[in-house]
Amino acid sequence: MQRAVRVEASPDRRACIVSVRAQPGAKRTGAAGAWNGMLKVAVAAPAEDGRANEELVRVLARILGLRANAIRLVSGERSRAKRFRIEADPDVVAAKLAEILAEGA
């Protein structure tokens, strides 16, 4: 299993794109590892009416220490594979994700 999450920096390095593999309807909510360069995130909310997407934003904000309005879903609204734009320094985001994945190892 791949243990790294790919973080794509914006040209001005003020934001980044992180790919997420959603696991809606899970018993526990939080980061669940890495898969194919994507961060796996489990959420208890079901995948209906955008509830899982909303919870994904809240979970990402919590684990990255950001406000929820700094995170925006840019693709994958109806898919398990999603891409989020995160308004934060890409190096800081990559370091925090690496730390989270190391804790789960």
N, C-alpha and C. Protein backbone atom coordinates (compact mmCIF):
# COMPACT_ATOMS: atom_id res chain seq x y z
N MET A 1 0.84 -1.18 0.00
CA MET A 1 0.00 0.00 0.00
C MET A 1 0.88 1.24 0.00
N GLN A 2 0.51 2.19 -0.79
CA GLN A 2 1.24 3.45 -0.87
C GLN A 2 0.95 4.28 0.37
N ARG A 3 1.98 4.88 0.96
CA ARG A 3 1.81 5.63 2.20
C ARG A 3 1.92 7.13 2.02
N ALA A 4 1.96 7.62 0.79
CA ALA A 4 2.11 9.05 0.55
C ALA A 4 0.88 9.58 -0.19
N VAL A 5 0.52 10.81 0.14
CA VAL A 5 -0.59 11.48 -0.52
C VAL A 5 0.00 12.56 -1.41
N ARG A 6 -0.47 12.60 -2.65
CA ARG A 6 0.03 13.59 -3.60
C ARG A 6 -0.65 14.94 -3.34
N VAL A 7 0.17 15.97 -3.21
CA VAL A 7 -0.32 17.33 -3.00
C VAL A 7 0.15 18.17 -4.18
N GLU A 8 -0.79 18.69 -4.97
CA GLU A 8 -0.46 19.49 -6.15
C GLU A 8 -0.53 20.97 -5.78
N ALA A 9 0.59 21.66 -5.88
CA ALA A 9 0.64 23.08 -5.53
C ALA A 9 0.09 23.94 -6.66
N SER A 10 -0.58 25.02 -6.29
CA SER A 10 -1.03 25.99 -7.29
C SER A 10 0.19 26.78 -7.75
N PRO A 11 0.12 27.44 -8.91
CA PRO A 11 1.28 28.19 -9.41
C PRO A 11 1.80 29.25 -8.42
N ASP A 12 0.90 29.87 -7.67
CA ASP A 12 1.35 30.90 -6.72
C ASP A 12 1.68 30.32 -5.34
N ARG A 13 1.50 29.00 -5.17
CA ARG A 13 1.82 28.27 -3.95
C ARG A 13 1.02 28.77 -2.73
N ARG A 14 -0.15 29.35 -2.99
CA ARG A 14 -1.01 29.79 -1.89
C ARG A 14 -2.13 28.79 -1.62
N ALA A 15 -2.20 27.77 -2.47
CA ALA A 15 -3.24 26.75 -2.33
C ALA A 15 -2.72 25.45 -2.94
N CYS A 16 -3.47 24.39 -2.73
CA CYS A 16 -3.09 23.11 -3.32
C CYS A 16 -4.33 22.27 -3.56
N ILE A 17 -4.15 21.22 -4.35
CA ILE A 17 -5.21 20.26 -4.62
C ILE A 17 -4.79 18.93 -3.99
N VAL A 18 -5.71 18.35 -3.24
CA VAL A 18 -5.48 17.05 -2.62
C VAL A 18 -6.58 16.12 -3.09
N SER A 19 -6.19 14.94 -3.57
CA SER A 19 -7.16 13.93 -3.98
C SER A 19 -7.54 13.09 -2.77
N VAL A 20 -8.84 12.81 -2.66
CA VAL A 20 -9.37 12.08 -1.51
C VAL A 20 -10.19 10.90 -2.01
N ARG A 21 -10.03 9.78 -1.35
CA ARG A 21 -10.86 8.59 -1.60
C ARG A 21 -11.86 8.52 -0.44
N ALA A 22 -13.12 8.81 -0.71
CA ALA A 22 -14.15 8.87 0.32
C ALA A 22 -14.67 7.48 0.67
N GLN A 23 -14.96 7.30 1.95
CA GLN A 23 -15.57 6.07 2.44
C GLN A 23 -16.81 6.45 3.26
N PRO A 24 -17.92 6.75 2.58
CA PRO A 24 -19.13 7.17 3.30
C PRO A 24 -19.78 6.00 4.05
N GLY A 25 -20.55 6.34 5.09
CA GLY A 25 -21.26 5.32 5.85
C GLY A 25 -20.37 4.51 6.77
N ALA A 26 -19.21 5.03 7.11
CA ALA A 26 -18.26 4.31 7.97
C ALA A 26 -18.69 4.41 9.43
N LYS A 27 -18.19 3.49 10.26
CA LYS A 27 -18.48 3.53 11.69
C LYS A 27 -17.75 4.68 12.36
N ARG A 28 -16.51 4.93 11.91
CA ARG A 28 -15.70 6.01 12.48
C ARG A 28 -15.38 7.03 11.41
N THR A 29 -15.20 8.27 11.84
CA THR A 29 -14.87 9.36 10.93
C THR A 29 -13.42 9.77 11.13
N GLY A 30 -12.69 9.93 10.03
CA GLY A 30 -11.31 10.39 10.11
C GLY A 30 -10.47 9.85 8.98
N ALA A 31 -9.19 10.20 9.00
CA ALA A 31 -8.25 9.72 7.98
C ALA A 31 -8.08 8.21 8.15
N ALA A 32 -8.11 7.50 7.02
CA ALA A 32 -8.04 6.04 7.07
C ALA A 32 -6.84 5.51 6.28
N GLY A 33 -5.86 6.36 5.98
CA GLY A 33 -4.68 5.91 5.26
C GLY A 33 -4.55 6.58 3.90
N ALA A 34 -3.72 5.96 3.07
CA ALA A 34 -3.50 6.47 1.71
C ALA A 34 -3.75 5.33 0.73
N TRP A 35 -4.21 5.70 -0.46
CA TRP A 35 -4.47 4.72 -1.51
C TRP A 35 -4.23 5.37 -2.86
N ASN A 36 -3.28 4.84 -3.62
CA ASN A 36 -2.96 5.35 -4.96
C ASN A 36 -2.74 6.85 -5.00
N GLY A 37 -2.04 7.39 -4.02
CA GLY A 37 -1.75 8.81 -3.97
C GLY A 37 -2.87 9.67 -3.44
N MET A 38 -3.95 9.03 -3.00
CA MET A 38 -5.10 9.75 -2.45
C MET A 38 -5.18 9.52 -0.94
N LEU A 39 -5.68 10.51 -0.24
CA LEU A 39 -5.95 10.37 1.19
C LEU A 39 -7.29 9.67 1.34
N LYS A 40 -7.31 8.55 2.05
CA LYS A 40 -8.58 7.87 2.32
C LYS A 40 -9.19 8.51 3.57
N VAL A 41 -10.44 8.93 3.44
CA VAL A 41 -11.14 9.55 4.56
C VAL A 41 -12.48 8.84 4.75
N ALA A 42 -12.69 8.31 5.96
CA ALA A 42 -13.95 7.66 6.29
C ALA A 42 -14.86 8.68 6.97
N VAL A 43 -16.12 8.68 6.57
CA VAL A 43 -17.11 9.56 7.19
C VAL A 43 -18.36 8.75 7.51
N ALA A 44 -18.99 9.09 8.62
CA ALA A 44 -20.19 8.37 9.03
C ALA A 44 -21.41 8.74 8.18
N ALA A 45 -21.41 9.93 7.62
CA ALA A 45 -22.56 10.39 6.84
C ALA A 45 -22.75 9.52 5.60
N PRO A 46 -24.00 9.28 5.24
CA PRO A 46 -24.26 8.51 4.02
C PRO A 46 -24.01 9.36 2.78
N ALA A 47 -23.83 8.68 1.67
CA ALA A 47 -23.57 9.37 0.39
C ALA A 47 -24.89 9.75 -0.27
N GLU A 48 -25.62 10.64 0.37
CA GLU A 48 -26.88 11.11 -0.20
C GLU A 48 -27.08 12.58 0.13
N ASP A 49 -27.59 13.32 -0.83
CA ASP A 49 -27.88 14.75 -0.68
C ASP A 49 -26.64 15.57 -0.28
N GLY A 50 -25.45 15.12 -0.65
CA GLY A 50 -24.23 15.87 -0.37
C GLY A 50 -23.77 15.83 1.08
N ARG A 51 -24.41 15.02 1.91
CA ARG A 51 -24.06 14.98 3.33
C ARG A 51 -22.65 14.46 3.55
N ALA A 52 -22.23 13.44 2.80
CA ALA A 52 -20.88 12.92 2.96
C ALA A 52 -19.85 13.96 2.52
N ASN A 53 -20.13 14.71 1.45
CA ASN A 53 -19.21 15.75 0.98
C ASN A 53 -19.04 16.84 2.03
N GLU A 54 -20.14 17.25 2.66
CA GLU A 54 -20.06 18.26 3.71
C GLU A 54 -19.23 17.78 4.89
N GLU A 55 -19.44 16.52 5.25
CA GLU A 55 -18.66 15.96 6.37
C GLU A 55 -17.19 15.81 5.99
N LEU A 56 -16.91 15.47 4.74
CA LEU A 56 -15.52 15.39 4.28
C LEU A 56 -14.80 16.73 4.46
N VAL A 57 -15.48 17.82 4.11
CA VAL A 57 -14.88 19.15 4.28
C VAL A 57 -14.58 19.40 5.76
N ARG A 58 -15.53 19.08 6.64
CA ARG A 58 -15.31 19.29 8.08
C ARG A 58 -14.16 18.43 8.60
N VAL A 59 -14.08 17.19 8.15
CA VAL A 59 -13.00 16.30 8.60
C VAL A 59 -11.65 16.81 8.11
N LEU A 60 -11.57 17.19 6.84
CA LEU A 60 -10.31 17.72 6.32
C LEU A 60 -9.89 18.97 7.08
N ALA A 61 -10.84 19.85 7.37
CA ALA A 61 -10.53 21.07 8.12
C ALA A 61 -9.99 20.72 9.50
N ARG A 62 -10.60 19.74 10.15
CA ARG A 62 -10.16 19.35 11.50
C ARG A 62 -8.76 18.75 11.48
N ILE A 63 -8.50 17.82 10.56
CA ILE A 63 -7.20 17.15 10.58
C ILE A 63 -6.07 18.06 10.10
N LEU A 64 -6.42 19.06 9.27
CA LEU A 64 -5.39 19.99 8.79
C LEU A 64 -5.28 21.25 9.64
N GLY A 65 -6.19 21.42 10.59
CA GLY A 65 -6.16 22.61 11.44
C GLY A 65 -6.54 23.88 10.71
N LEU A 66 -7.51 23.77 9.80
CA LEU A 66 -7.95 24.91 9.00
C LEU A 66 -9.43 25.18 9.22
N ARG A 67 -9.90 26.32 8.76
CA ARG A 67 -11.33 26.61 8.74
C ARG A 67 -11.96 25.86 7.57
N ALA A 68 -13.20 25.48 7.73
CA ALA A 68 -13.89 24.73 6.68
C ALA A 68 -14.01 25.55 5.39
N ASN A 69 -14.10 26.88 5.51
CA ASN A 69 -14.23 27.68 4.29
C ASN A 69 -12.92 27.79 3.51
N ALA A 70 -11.83 27.22 4.02
CA ALA A 70 -10.56 27.17 3.29
C ALA A 70 -10.46 25.93 2.41
N ILE A 71 -11.49 25.09 2.46
CA ILE A 71 -11.49 23.83 1.71
C ILE A 71 -12.72 23.78 0.83
N ARG A 72 -12.49 23.46 -0.46
CA ARG A 72 -13.60 23.46 -1.43
C ARG A 72 -13.49 22.23 -2.33
N LEU A 73 -14.59 21.54 -2.50
CA LEU A 73 -14.67 20.40 -3.42
C LEU A 73 -14.64 20.93 -4.84
N VAL A 74 -13.66 20.48 -5.65
CA VAL A 74 -13.57 20.96 -7.03
C VAL A 74 -13.98 19.91 -8.05
N SER A 75 -13.94 18.63 -7.68
CA SER A 75 -14.44 17.60 -8.59
C SER A 75 -14.75 16.33 -7.80
N GLY A 76 -15.65 15.53 -8.37
CA GLY A 76 -16.00 14.25 -7.77
C GLY A 76 -17.19 14.31 -6.84
N GLU A 77 -18.10 15.24 -7.09
CA GLU A 77 -19.25 15.41 -6.20
C GLU A 77 -20.03 14.12 -5.98
N ARG A 78 -20.15 13.30 -7.01
CA ARG A 78 -20.92 12.05 -6.90
C ARG A 78 -20.05 10.81 -7.00
N SER A 79 -18.77 10.96 -6.78
CA SER A 79 -17.82 9.86 -6.90
C SER A 79 -17.09 9.66 -5.57
N ARG A 80 -16.54 8.49 -5.36
CA ARG A 80 -15.70 8.28 -4.18
C ARG A 80 -14.35 8.97 -4.33
N ALA A 81 -13.89 9.14 -5.58
CA ALA A 81 -12.63 9.84 -5.85
C ALA A 81 -12.94 11.33 -6.00
N LYS A 82 -12.39 12.13 -5.11
CA LYS A 82 -12.69 13.56 -5.08
C LYS A 82 -11.41 14.37 -5.08
N ARG A 83 -11.52 15.63 -5.49
CA ARG A 83 -10.38 16.56 -5.44
C ARG A 83 -10.82 17.80 -4.69
N PHE A 84 -10.03 18.17 -3.70
CA PHE A 84 -10.33 19.34 -2.88
C PHE A 84 -9.25 20.39 -3.06
N ARG A 85 -9.68 21.65 -3.20
CA ARG A 85 -8.75 22.78 -3.21
C ARG A 85 -8.63 23.25 -1.76
N ILE A 86 -7.40 23.32 -1.28
CA ILE A 86 -7.14 23.72 0.09
C ILE A 86 -6.33 25.01 0.07
N GLU A 87 -6.89 26.05 0.65
CA GLU A 87 -6.25 27.37 0.70
C GLU A 87 -5.23 27.38 1.84
N ALA A 88 -4.07 26.82 1.58
CA ALA A 88 -2.98 26.76 2.56
C ALA A 88 -1.69 26.44 1.82
N ASP A 89 -0.57 26.70 2.47
CA ASP A 89 0.74 26.42 1.89
C ASP A 89 0.85 24.92 1.59
N PRO A 90 1.16 24.54 0.35
CA PRO A 90 1.24 23.12 -0.01
C PRO A 90 2.25 22.33 0.82
N ASP A 91 3.36 22.95 1.19
CA ASP A 91 4.36 22.25 2.00
C ASP A 91 3.82 21.93 3.39
N VAL A 92 3.07 22.86 3.95
CA VAL A 92 2.47 22.65 5.27
C VAL A 92 1.42 21.53 5.20
N VAL A 93 0.59 21.56 4.15
CA VAL A 93 -0.43 20.53 3.98
C VAL A 93 0.23 19.16 3.81
N ALA A 94 1.26 19.07 2.97
CA ALA A 94 1.96 17.79 2.74
C ALA A 94 2.57 17.28 4.04
N ALA A 95 3.17 18.16 4.82
CA ALA A 95 3.80 17.75 6.09
C ALA A 95 2.74 17.25 7.07
N LYS A 96 1.62 17.95 7.15
CA LYS A 96 0.55 17.53 8.07
C LYS A 96 -0.04 16.19 7.66
N LEU A 97 -0.24 15.98 6.36
CA LEU A 97 -0.76 14.70 5.88
C LEU A 97 0.23 13.57 6.15
N ALA A 98 1.53 13.82 5.95
CA ALA A 98 2.55 12.81 6.24
C ALA A 98 2.54 12.46 7.73
N GLU A 99 2.37 13.46 8.57
CA GLU A 99 2.33 13.24 10.02
C GLU A 99 1.11 12.38 10.40
N ILE A 100 -0.05 12.69 9.81
CA ILE A 100 -1.26 11.95 10.09
C ILE A 100 -1.13 10.50 9.65
N LEU A 101 -0.56 10.28 8.47
CA LEU A 101 -0.38 8.92 7.97
C LEU A 101 0.64 8.15 8.80
N ALA A 102 1.68 8.82 9.28
CA ALA A 102 2.67 8.16 10.14
C ALA A 102 2.06 7.73 11.46
N GLU A 103 1.16 8.54 12.00
CA GLU A 103 0.48 8.18 13.26
C GLU A 103 -0.37 6.94 13.10
N GLY A 104 -0.95 6.79 11.92
CA GLY A 104 -1.82 5.64 11.67
C GLY A 104 -1.07 4.37 11.32
N ALA A 105 0.24 4.47 11.08
CA ALA A 105 1.03 3.30 10.67
C ALA A 105 1.35 2.39 11.82
